[in-house]
Amino acid sequence: MPVRIKLAYGMGAMAYGVKDNGFSVFLLIFYNQVIGLPANLVGLAVMIALIIDAFIDPVIGHLSDRTDTRWGRRHPWLYASVIPVALSWFLLWHPPALENQTLVLLYLIGSAILVRSAIAMSEVPSIALLPELTRDYRERTDVLRYRFLFGWIGGLALLWLAYAVFLAPTADQPAGLLRREGYDAYALTGAAIMVVAILIAAIGTHKRMARPPAKLPERKPLKAELRAIFGTLRNRAFLTLMAAGVFAYANQGLNFATSTYMQGYVWEFPAWAFSAWPVTLLVGVVFAFLAAPVVSRRFGKKHGAALTAGLAVLVGMAPYVLRLLGIFPENGDPLTIPLFFAFVTAATGLGICPMILTGSMLADVIEDSEMRTGYREEGLFFAGNLFMQKCVTGIGTFAAGSLITMVGFPQNAVPGAVDPAVIDRLILVFVILTALFVTAAITMFLRYPLGEDDHNSRIATLAARENGLAAQSPSGLG
């Protein structure tokens, strides 16, 4: 596949990366510390919004599988999503000045649903292009890594701008993360990145993929359609991947939602460290971009995913465990932040590898399903995956909000002034939850039933079936 197609396909993920970074890193602290909504209510609001909104994803996937236009199945959705994405994102970060916390909570739930639904209009059809772009078992990993690379670049670029510019400390507001006006600039910049990314993906893949579909699943009455959707999603390989994803993405949601608390209050980052943090993560992303195809070839997709997930949690939790044991350098020591960054870089790279491999494995499920149903329903499967991510990220955010409340973390906390006992409780529970989530994810990865030989056999069978059908058609007889 030409590199320009890989780049265009990958850059579409920047919109999702911006959204995911905002929800995971800043939404909790913005609505909790800036707007004044209790942390547990913010976590609850996000979880409710994501779970409700997640039911929209299979509908979008199902409809995009059946969209029949001269621009194909996916591209009309990409173009139509641009304005809703930008507008809903802006509204999320501009809640009205309300005294009633219930009204603020309802606004957060509603605006969060709008953002996630608008992003789904772009993300579901966009990522569903993968199995159509290539049927090669190994090339799918190679193509998908571009999507993860640019998804992270989008999120991390905005994260760097937030820490270095929009939310940087000032003389009037030393706690930069509490600057309300900074979030205004954050919202506008994020909206601009999203719009450009979606248009690049749509235009860049238009010539190759925007054509009428050769075959569409048959249309059925609503009840039969729903039965068919649930029947398709009962695919064993798909359910195994979703089970692994439940725990992996819950852990990611927990880690990102607590990251600002960990950086500001556990490690007491100086201003330069907040700006360096996204760069550190980007190094890890580049490592994953380079390593994922190698891991896939060397260990296979499912074993590679299990191995890198296990190594990621061991490396990522090491600084926290060493801190509890009194071995890690104290805050303020010149070695503390660089050493912590080294662990984070390695853990980030290792942690992204199983996510890339999961997406590649999901693409292989398409042919497994096609063998059973006779139809390719990429949109439905990838929507089901996004459904899981949204639900579980909401659970991770809810767990983070509950964790902050449970350990007795104070409102309007000042870095360096929080009771050390509270910090220790925060670290201990965080480490335990992370270990439990990742252990469960590894167990499910190892149960995934499909491999490279199976995939190649299915491709050959499907090709023979298609050739047979072509030979029986009137044009084939001519």
Protein backbone atom coordinates (compact mmCIF):
# COMPACT_ATOMS: atom_id res chain seq x y z
CA MET A 1 0.00 0.00 0.00
CA PRO A 2 1.36 3.47 -0.85
CA VAL A 3 2.73 5.39 2.12
CA ARG A 4 0.52 8.38 1.27
CA ILE A 5 -2.59 6.22 1.85
CA LYS A 6 -1.19 4.98 5.16
CA LEU A 7 -0.48 8.56 6.21
CA ALA A 8 -3.95 9.81 5.25
CA TYR A 9 -5.64 6.87 6.96
CA GLY A 10 -3.50 7.36 10.05
CA MET A 11 -4.00 11.12 10.32
CA GLY A 12 -7.75 10.65 10.67
CA ALA A 13 -7.10 9.30 14.16
CA MET A 14 -5.83 12.69 15.34
CA ALA A 15 -9.44 13.75 15.95
CA TYR A 16 -9.99 10.76 18.20
CA GLY A 17 -6.65 11.38 19.90
CA VAL A 18 -7.60 14.97 20.74
CA LYS A 19 -10.96 13.86 22.11
CA ASP A 20 -9.48 10.97 24.08
CA ASN A 21 -6.76 13.13 25.59
CA GLY A 22 -9.25 15.77 26.67
CA PHE A 23 -11.61 13.28 28.28
CA SER A 24 -8.83 11.29 29.90
CA VAL A 25 -6.48 14.02 31.14
CA PHE A 26 -8.27 17.32 31.63
CA LEU A 27 -12.02 16.76 31.89
CA LEU A 28 -11.94 15.51 35.48
CA ILE A 29 -9.68 18.25 36.82
CA PHE A 30 -11.49 20.95 34.79
CA TYR A 31 -14.97 20.16 36.06
CA ASN A 32 -13.71 19.28 39.55
CA GLN A 33 -11.13 21.95 40.38
CA VAL A 34 -12.18 24.77 37.98
CA ILE A 35 -15.96 24.40 37.74
CA GLY A 36 -16.37 22.99 41.27
CA LEU A 37 -18.23 19.72 40.62
CA PRO A 38 -17.22 16.95 43.09
CA ALA A 39 -14.76 14.48 41.57
CA ASN A 40 -16.99 11.45 42.09
CA LEU A 41 -19.87 13.23 40.30
CA VAL A 42 -17.60 14.12 37.37
CA GLY A 43 -16.55 10.48 37.08
CA LEU A 44 -20.16 9.36 37.34
CA ALA A 45 -21.26 11.88 34.68
CA VAL A 46 -18.58 10.76 32.24
CA MET A 47 -19.39 7.09 32.81
CA ILE A 48 -23.13 7.65 32.28
CA ALA A 49 -22.52 9.76 29.18
CA LEU A 50 -20.12 7.30 27.63
CA ILE A 51 -22.29 4.26 28.28
CA ILE A 52 -25.40 5.96 26.86
CA ASP A 53 -23.49 7.32 23.90
CA ALA A 54 -21.76 4.00 23.26
CA PHE A 55 -25.04 2.45 22.13
CA ILE A 56 -24.97 4.87 19.20
CA ASP A 57 -21.74 3.36 17.85
CA PRO A 58 -23.17 0.00 16.69
CA VAL A 59 -25.99 1.90 14.99
CA ILE A 60 -23.48 4.08 13.11
CA GLY A 61 -21.38 1.04 12.21
CA HIS A 62 -24.45 -0.89 11.08
CA LEU A 63 -25.71 2.02 8.98
CA SER A 64 -22.31 2.71 7.42
CA ASP A 65 -22.05 -0.98 6.40
CA ARG A 66 -25.32 -0.46 4.51
CA THR A 67 -24.66 3.03 3.12
CA ASP A 68 -24.93 2.89 -0.68
CA THR A 69 -23.68 6.04 -2.43
CA ARG A 70 -21.37 6.91 -5.30
CA TRP A 71 -18.83 7.84 -2.60
CA GLY A 72 -19.05 4.42 -1.05
CA ARG A 73 -20.05 3.32 2.44
CA ARG A 74 -17.68 5.31 4.67
CA HIS A 75 -16.83 8.68 3.12
CA PRO A 76 -20.27 10.34 3.36
CA TRP A 77 -20.05 9.84 7.13
CA LEU A 78 -16.58 11.37 7.31
CA TYR A 79 -17.59 14.55 5.50
CA ALA A 80 -20.84 14.86 7.48
CA SER A 81 -19.06 14.62 10.86
CA VAL A 82 -16.82 17.70 10.53
CA ILE A 83 -19.15 20.44 11.83
CA PRO A 84 -20.79 18.36 14.63
CA VAL A 85 -17.35 17.36 15.94
CA ALA A 86 -16.02 20.93 16.16
CA LEU A 87 -19.20 22.42 17.64
CA SER A 88 -19.79 19.76 20.30
CA TRP A 89 -16.13 19.86 21.41
CA PHE A 90 -16.32 23.63 21.91
CA LEU A 91 -19.52 23.31 23.96
CA LEU A 92 -18.00 20.69 26.26
CA TRP A 93 -15.39 23.13 27.55
CA HIS A 94 -17.77 26.09 27.87
CA PRO A 95 -20.38 25.16 30.48
CA PRO A 96 -22.75 28.00 31.45
CA ALA A 97 -22.28 29.69 34.84
CA LEU A 98 -24.79 27.74 36.96
CA GLU A 99 -25.08 27.63 40.73
CA ASN A 100 -27.08 24.41 40.74
CA GLN A 101 -24.70 21.42 40.66
CA THR A 102 -27.40 19.16 39.27
CA LEU A 103 -27.73 21.39 36.21
CA VAL A 104 -23.96 21.44 35.75
CA LEU A 105 -23.94 17.65 35.99
CA LEU A 106 -26.69 17.35 33.37
CA TYR A 107 -24.85 19.77 31.06
CA LEU A 108 -21.67 17.69 31.37
CA ILE A 109 -23.55 14.48 30.58
CA GLY A 110 -25.33 16.01 27.58
CA SER A 111 -22.30 17.70 26.05
CA ALA A 112 -20.16 14.61 26.59
CA ILE A 113 -22.72 12.49 24.73
CA LEU A 114 -22.73 14.97 21.85
CA VAL A 115 -18.93 14.94 21.54
CA ARG A 116 -18.60 11.18 21.62
CA SER A 117 -21.48 10.69 19.16
CA ALA A 118 -20.01 13.21 16.72
CA ILE A 119 -16.58 11.61 16.93
CA ALA A 120 -18.17 8.21 16.32
CA MET A 121 -19.57 9.51 13.02
CA SER A 122 -15.96 9.97 11.93
CA GLU A 123 -14.04 7.32 13.84
CA VAL A 124 -16.23 4.28 13.18
CA PRO A 125 -16.36 4.60 9.36
CA SER A 126 -12.74 5.77 9.23
CA ILE A 127 -11.16 2.90 11.14
CA ALA A 128 -13.53 0.43 9.41
CA LEU A 129 -11.63 1.14 6.18
CA LEU A 130 -8.71 -1.03 7.42
CA PRO A 131 -9.99 -4.48 6.37
CA GLU A 132 -10.97 -3.02 2.98
CA LEU A 133 -7.61 -1.33 2.47
CA THR A 134 -5.69 -4.61 2.87
CA ARG A 135 -6.48 -8.26 3.55
CA ASP A 136 -2.86 -9.17 4.27
CA TYR A 137 -2.40 -10.54 7.80
CA ARG A 138 0.85 -8.71 8.52
CA GLU A 139 0.25 -5.56 6.50
CA ARG A 140 -2.78 -4.81 8.66
CA THR A 141 -0.51 -4.33 11.67
CA ASP A 142 1.76 -2.14 9.57
CA VAL A 143 -1.13 0.06 8.39
CA LEU A 144 -2.86 0.31 11.76
CA ARG A 145 0.29 1.49 13.52
CA TYR A 146 0.05 4.74 11.52
CA ARG A 147 -3.37 5.31 13.03
CA PHE A 148 -2.06 4.86 16.54
CA LEU A 149 0.97 7.03 15.79
CA PHE A 150 -1.09 9.97 14.57
CA GLY A 151 -3.82 9.45 17.15
CA TRP A 152 -1.23 9.88 19.86
CA ILE A 153 0.49 12.74 18.04
CA GLY A 154 -2.81 14.64 17.92
CA GLY A 155 -3.50 14.13 21.59
CA LEU A 156 0.06 14.77 22.71
CA ALA A 157 0.47 17.89 20.57
CA LEU A 158 -2.56 19.42 22.27
CA LEU A 159 -1.35 18.13 25.64
CA TRP A 160 2.00 19.89 25.14
CA LEU A 161 0.27 23.13 24.12
CA ALA A 162 -1.94 22.89 27.19
CA TYR A 163 0.94 22.42 29.64
CA ALA A 164 3.41 24.75 27.90
CA VAL A 165 1.07 27.54 26.76
CA PHE A 166 -2.64 27.43 27.58
CA LEU A 167 -2.38 26.16 31.17
CA ALA A 168 1.14 27.30 32.02
CA PRO A 169 1.49 28.97 35.45
CA THR A 170 1.29 32.76 35.54
CA ALA A 171 1.99 35.39 38.19
CA ASP A 172 -1.75 35.75 38.78
CA GLN A 173 -2.46 32.00 38.75
CA PRO A 174 0.53 29.85 39.84
CA ALA A 175 -1.65 26.74 39.51
CA GLY A 176 -1.85 26.85 35.72
CA LEU A 177 -4.20 23.86 35.46
CA LEU A 178 -6.87 25.98 37.16
CA ARG A 179 -6.83 28.79 34.55
CA ARG A 180 -10.34 28.97 33.09
CA GLU A 181 -9.31 31.08 30.09
CA GLY A 182 -6.63 28.51 29.22
CA TYR A 183 -9.33 25.94 28.60
CA ASP A 184 -10.97 28.32 26.09
CA ALA A 185 -7.84 28.27 23.92
CA TYR A 186 -7.51 24.52 24.50
CA ALA A 187 -11.04 23.96 23.16
CA LEU A 188 -10.59 26.12 20.04
CA THR A 189 -7.26 24.55 19.14
CA GLY A 190 -8.63 21.05 19.63
CA ALA A 191 -11.58 21.78 17.36
CA ALA A 192 -9.27 23.05 14.61
CA ILE A 193 -7.05 19.95 14.79
CA MET A 194 -10.09 17.68 14.63
CA VAL A 195 -11.52 19.36 11.54
CA VAL A 196 -8.22 19.27 9.63
CA ALA A 197 -7.56 15.62 10.57
CA ILE A 198 -10.97 14.36 9.46
CA LEU A 199 -10.75 16.20 6.14
CA ILE A 200 -7.25 14.88 5.42
CA ALA A 201 -8.38 11.31 6.08
CA ALA A 202 -11.50 11.69 3.93
CA ILE A 203 -9.81 13.44 1.01
CA GLY A 204 -6.62 11.35 1.19
CA THR A 205 -8.47 8.02 0.90
CA HIS A 206 -11.28 9.28 -1.33
CA LYS A 207 -9.85 8.24 -4.69
CA ARG A 208 -8.91 4.74 -3.49
CA MET A 209 -12.00 3.86 -1.44
CA ALA A 210 -14.88 6.24 -2.27
CA ARG A 211 -16.78 4.04 -4.72
CA PRO A 212 -20.14 2.23 -4.67
CA PRO A 213 -19.98 -1.00 -2.65
CA ALA A 214 -19.95 -4.25 -4.62
CA LYS A 215 -22.20 -6.04 -2.13
CA LEU A 216 -24.35 -4.91 0.78
CA PRO A 217 -25.99 -6.92 3.56
CA GLU A 218 -29.68 -7.36 2.91
CA ARG A 219 -32.09 -4.93 4.56
CA LYS A 220 -34.46 -6.44 7.10
CA PRO A 221 -37.26 -5.27 9.41
CA LEU A 222 -36.01 -3.58 12.59
CA LYS A 223 -36.48 -6.61 14.83
CA ALA A 224 -34.64 -8.85 12.37
CA GLU A 225 -31.88 -6.24 11.97
CA LEU A 226 -31.33 -6.12 15.73
CA ARG A 227 -31.27 -9.91 15.91
CA ALA A 228 -28.71 -9.99 13.08
CA ILE A 229 -26.53 -7.37 14.82
CA PHE A 230 -26.37 -9.33 18.05
CA GLY A 231 -25.87 -12.56 16.13
CA THR A 232 -22.89 -11.13 14.29
CA LEU A 233 -21.34 -9.71 17.46
CA ARG A 234 -21.53 -13.11 19.18
CA ASN A 235 -18.46 -14.14 17.17
CA ARG A 236 -16.14 -15.95 19.60
CA ALA A 237 -12.93 -14.25 18.48
CA PHE A 238 -14.59 -10.84 18.69
CA LEU A 239 -15.96 -11.47 22.18
CA THR A 240 -12.53 -12.62 23.38
CA LEU A 241 -10.89 -9.43 22.09
CA MET A 242 -13.61 -7.32 23.67
CA ALA A 243 -13.07 -9.03 27.01
CA ALA A 244 -9.35 -8.25 26.81
CA GLY A 245 -10.18 -4.69 25.83
CA VAL A 246 -12.55 -4.24 28.76
CA PHE A 247 -9.67 -4.57 31.19
CA ALA A 248 -7.00 -2.90 29.04
CA TYR A 249 -9.03 0.24 28.36
CA ALA A 250 -10.36 0.42 31.91
CA ASN A 251 -6.74 0.55 32.98
CA GLN A 252 -5.95 3.23 30.39
CA GLY A 253 -8.91 5.30 31.55
CA LEU A 254 -7.78 5.00 35.16
CA ASN A 255 -4.20 5.97 34.31
CA PHE A 256 -5.05 9.00 32.20
CA ALA A 257 -7.77 10.32 34.50
CA THR A 258 -5.37 10.23 37.47
CA SER A 259 -2.32 11.46 35.53
CA THR A 260 -2.72 15.15 36.45
CA TYR A 261 -3.04 14.20 40.12
CA MET A 262 0.01 11.93 39.93
CA GLN A 263 2.15 14.51 38.15
CA GLY A 264 1.11 17.48 40.24
CA TYR A 265 0.71 15.98 43.69
CA VAL A 266 2.59 12.68 43.82
CA TRP A 267 5.67 13.66 41.81
CA GLU A 268 5.25 17.45 42.20
CA PHE A 269 6.29 18.22 38.63
CA PRO A 270 8.01 21.58 38.10
CA ALA A 271 6.73 23.64 35.15
CA TRP A 272 9.34 22.28 32.72
CA ALA A 273 8.33 18.69 33.48
CA PHE A 274 4.72 19.29 32.46
CA SER A 275 5.96 20.54 29.08
CA ALA A 276 8.40 17.63 28.74
CA TRP A 277 5.75 15.04 29.66
CA PRO A 278 4.07 14.90 26.19
CA VAL A 279 7.49 14.67 24.50
CA THR A 280 8.34 11.72 26.73
CA LEU A 281 5.10 9.99 25.79
CA LEU A 282 5.72 10.67 22.10
CA VAL A 283 9.06 8.87 22.31
CA GLY A 284 7.19 5.87 23.69
CA VAL A 285 4.64 6.09 20.86
CA VAL A 286 7.42 6.08 18.24
CA PHE A 287 8.91 3.04 19.97
CA ALA A 288 5.55 1.24 19.69
CA PHE A 289 5.24 2.30 16.02
CA LEU A 290 8.57 0.62 15.29
CA ALA A 291 8.16 -2.36 17.62
CA ALA A 292 4.61 -3.55 16.93
CA PRO A 293 5.29 -5.19 13.52
CA VAL A 294 8.44 -6.82 14.93
CA VAL A 295 6.57 -8.17 17.96
CA SER A 296 3.79 -9.45 15.70
CA ARG A 297 6.20 -11.33 13.43
CA ARG A 298 8.30 -12.70 16.31
CA PHE A 299 5.60 -13.79 18.75
CA GLY A 300 2.33 -13.66 16.82
CA LYS A 301 -0.41 -11.13 17.52
CA LYS A 302 -2.05 -12.61 20.61
CA HIS A 303 1.16 -13.69 22.37
CA GLY A 304 2.81 -10.40 21.45
CA ALA A 305 -0.13 -8.48 22.93
CA ALA A 306 -0.03 -10.50 26.16
CA LEU A 307 3.76 -10.16 26.50
CA THR A 308 3.93 -6.40 25.93
CA ALA A 309 0.93 -5.75 28.20
CA GLY A 310 2.64 -7.62 31.04
CA LEU A 311 5.94 -5.82 30.55
CA ALA A 312 4.15 -2.47 30.37
CA VAL A 313 2.53 -2.83 33.79
CA LEU A 314 5.76 -4.06 35.41
CA VAL A 315 7.76 -1.14 34.05
CA GLY A 316 5.03 1.47 34.51
CA MET A 317 4.27 0.63 38.13
CA ALA A 318 7.93 0.27 39.17
CA PRO A 319 8.41 3.95 40.21
CA TYR A 320 5.27 3.86 42.39
CA VAL A 321 6.19 0.59 44.08
CA LEU A 322 9.76 1.79 44.65
CA ARG A 323 8.39 5.02 46.09
CA LEU A 324 6.21 3.13 48.58
CA LEU A 325 9.26 1.07 49.55
CA GLY A 326 11.32 4.23 50.09
CA ILE A 327 13.82 3.30 47.36
CA PHE A 328 12.93 5.82 44.63
CA PRO A 329 14.65 9.26 44.85
CA GLU A 330 12.69 11.87 46.81
CA ASN A 331 10.83 14.71 45.10
CA GLY A 332 13.25 17.53 44.36
CA ASP A 333 16.17 15.18 43.75
CA PRO A 334 17.72 15.92 40.30
CA LEU A 335 17.31 12.25 39.34
CA THR A 336 13.61 11.88 40.24
CA ILE A 337 11.91 13.33 37.18
CA PRO A 338 14.38 12.01 34.53
CA LEU A 339 14.25 8.53 36.09
CA PHE A 340 10.46 8.63 36.24
CA PHE A 341 10.34 9.74 32.60
CA ALA A 342 12.56 6.82 31.57
CA PHE A 343 10.14 4.33 33.13
CA VAL A 344 7.15 6.12 31.59
CA THR A 345 8.67 6.16 28.10
CA ALA A 346 9.30 2.43 28.16
CA ALA A 347 5.91 1.63 29.68
CA THR A 348 4.10 3.80 27.13
CA GLY A 349 5.76 2.09 24.18
CA LEU A 350 5.09 -1.36 25.61
CA GLY A 351 1.50 -0.44 26.49
CA ILE A 352 0.60 0.81 23.01
CA CYS A 353 1.87 -2.35 21.29
CA PRO A 354 -1.02 -4.55 22.52
CA MET A 355 -3.51 -1.90 21.41
CA ILE A 356 -2.09 -1.88 17.87
CA LEU A 357 -2.11 -5.68 17.81
CA THR A 358 -5.69 -5.75 19.12
CA GLY A 359 -6.86 -3.55 16.26
CA SER A 360 -5.04 -5.77 13.78
CA MET A 361 -6.60 -8.89 15.31
CA LEU A 362 -10.02 -7.25 15.08
CA ALA A 363 -9.50 -6.71 11.34
CA ASP A 364 -8.85 -10.46 11.03
CA VAL A 365 -12.19 -11.16 12.70
CA ILE A 366 -13.92 -9.64 9.63
CA GLU A 367 -13.06 -12.60 7.39
CA ASP A 368 -13.91 -15.07 10.14
CA SER A 369 -17.36 -13.50 10.33
CA GLU A 370 -17.68 -13.32 6.55
CA MET A 371 -17.10 -17.07 6.37
CA ARG A 372 -20.09 -17.56 8.70
CA THR A 373 -22.51 -14.87 7.50
CA GLY A 374 -21.54 -14.20 3.88
CA TYR A 375 -21.21 -10.45 4.51
CA ARG A 376 -18.41 -8.08 5.45
CA GLU A 377 -19.53 -5.88 8.34
CA GLU A 378 -16.40 -3.93 9.25
CA GLY A 379 -18.36 -0.96 10.55
CA LEU A 380 -20.36 -3.07 12.98
CA PHE A 381 -17.31 -4.84 14.43
CA PHE A 382 -15.19 -1.71 14.80
CA ALA A 383 -18.20 0.10 16.25
CA GLY A 384 -18.54 -2.72 18.75
CA ASN A 385 -14.89 -2.21 19.66
CA LEU A 386 -15.45 1.53 20.05
CA PHE A 387 -18.58 0.77 22.09
CA MET A 388 -16.44 -1.24 24.47
CA GLN A 389 -13.77 1.45 24.67
CA LYS A 390 -16.29 4.14 25.51
CA CYS A 391 -18.05 2.10 28.18
CA VAL A 392 -14.84 0.94 29.77
CA THR A 393 -13.02 4.28 29.59
CA GLY A 394 -16.05 5.64 31.41
CA ILE A 395 -15.58 2.95 34.03
CA GLY A 396 -11.90 3.88 34.30
CA THR A 397 -12.77 7.56 34.72
CA PHE A 398 -15.43 6.65 37.28
CA ALA A 399 -12.86 4.50 39.11
CA ALA A 400 -10.42 7.42 39.09
CA GLY A 401 -13.01 9.85 40.46
CA SER A 402 -14.01 7.34 43.13
CA LEU A 403 -10.36 6.75 43.97
CA ILE A 404 -9.70 10.48 44.44
CA THR A 405 -12.72 10.76 46.72
CA MET A 406 -12.05 7.52 48.61
CA VAL A 407 -8.50 8.41 49.64
CA GLY A 408 -9.71 11.76 50.98
CA PHE A 409 -8.02 13.97 48.41
CA PRO A 410 -8.77 17.63 49.28
CA GLN A 411 -10.46 20.25 47.09
CA ASN A 412 -8.25 23.09 45.74
CA ALA A 413 -5.19 21.10 46.77
CA VAL A 414 -1.76 22.73 46.63
CA PRO A 415 1.16 20.57 45.39
CA GLY A 416 3.51 19.73 48.25
CA ALA A 417 0.88 20.49 50.90
CA VAL A 418 -1.21 17.31 50.68
CA ASP A 419 -0.98 14.91 53.66
CA PRO A 420 1.68 12.24 52.83
CA ALA A 421 -0.69 9.55 54.13
CA VAL A 422 -3.22 10.56 51.47
CA ILE A 423 -0.54 10.38 48.78
CA ASP A 424 0.54 6.91 49.93
CA ARG A 425 -3.06 5.65 49.91
CA LEU A 426 -3.53 7.07 46.42
CA ILE A 427 -0.41 5.28 45.12
CA LEU A 428 -1.23 1.95 46.79
CA VAL A 429 -4.79 1.68 45.49
CA PHE A 430 -3.70 2.89 42.04
CA VAL A 431 -1.04 0.17 41.79
CA ILE A 432 -3.41 -2.57 42.93
CA LEU A 433 -6.15 -1.59 40.47
CA THR A 434 -3.67 -1.36 37.59
CA ALA A 435 -2.22 -4.80 38.33
CA LEU A 436 -5.68 -6.38 38.49
CA PHE A 437 -6.85 -4.78 35.22
CA VAL A 438 -3.76 -5.80 33.24
CA THR A 439 -3.63 -9.36 34.60
CA ALA A 440 -7.21 -9.89 33.45
CA ALA A 441 -6.41 -8.41 30.01
CA ILE A 442 -3.44 -10.76 29.53
CA THR A 443 -5.57 -13.77 30.41
CA MET A 444 -8.11 -12.86 27.73
CA PHE A 445 -5.47 -12.11 25.05
CA LEU A 446 -4.17 -15.66 25.43
CA ARG A 447 -7.67 -17.04 24.75
CA TYR A 448 -7.96 -15.38 21.31
CA PRO A 449 -8.58 -18.25 18.85
CA LEU A 450 -7.36 -16.93 15.45
CA GLY A 451 -3.86 -17.09 13.99
CA GLU A 452 -1.98 -16.35 10.74
CA ASP A 453 -2.48 -19.80 9.20
CA ASP A 454 -6.22 -19.64 9.94
CA HIS A 455 -6.43 -16.20 8.34
CA ASN A 456 -4.61 -17.20 5.17
CA SER A 457 -6.85 -20.25 4.81
CA ARG A 458 -9.97 -18.09 5.15
CA ILE A 459 -8.68 -15.59 2.56
CA ALA A 460 -8.10 -18.42 0.08
CA THR A 461 -11.55 -19.91 0.73
CA LEU A 462 -13.28 -16.54 0.35
CA ALA A 463 -11.38 -15.81 -2.88
CA ALA A 464 -12.45 -19.17 -4.30
CA ARG A 465 -16.04 -18.49 -3.24
CA GLU A 466 -16.00 -15.05 -4.91
CA ASN A 467 -14.49 -16.48 -8.10
CA GLY A 468 -17.14 -19.19 -8.14
CA LEU A 469 -19.94 -16.66 -7.79
CA ALA A 470 -18.43 -14.55 -10.57
CA ALA A 471 -18.28 -17.56 -12.87
CA GLN A 472 -21.98 -18.28 -12.25
CA SER A 473 -23.13 -14.70 -12.95
CA PRO A 474 -24.33 -13.61 -16.41
CA SER A 475 -21.19 -11.54 -16.93
CA GLY A 476 -19.08 -14.53 -15.91
CA LEU A 477 -20.82 -16.74 -18.48
CA GLY A 478 -20.29 -14.21 -21.28
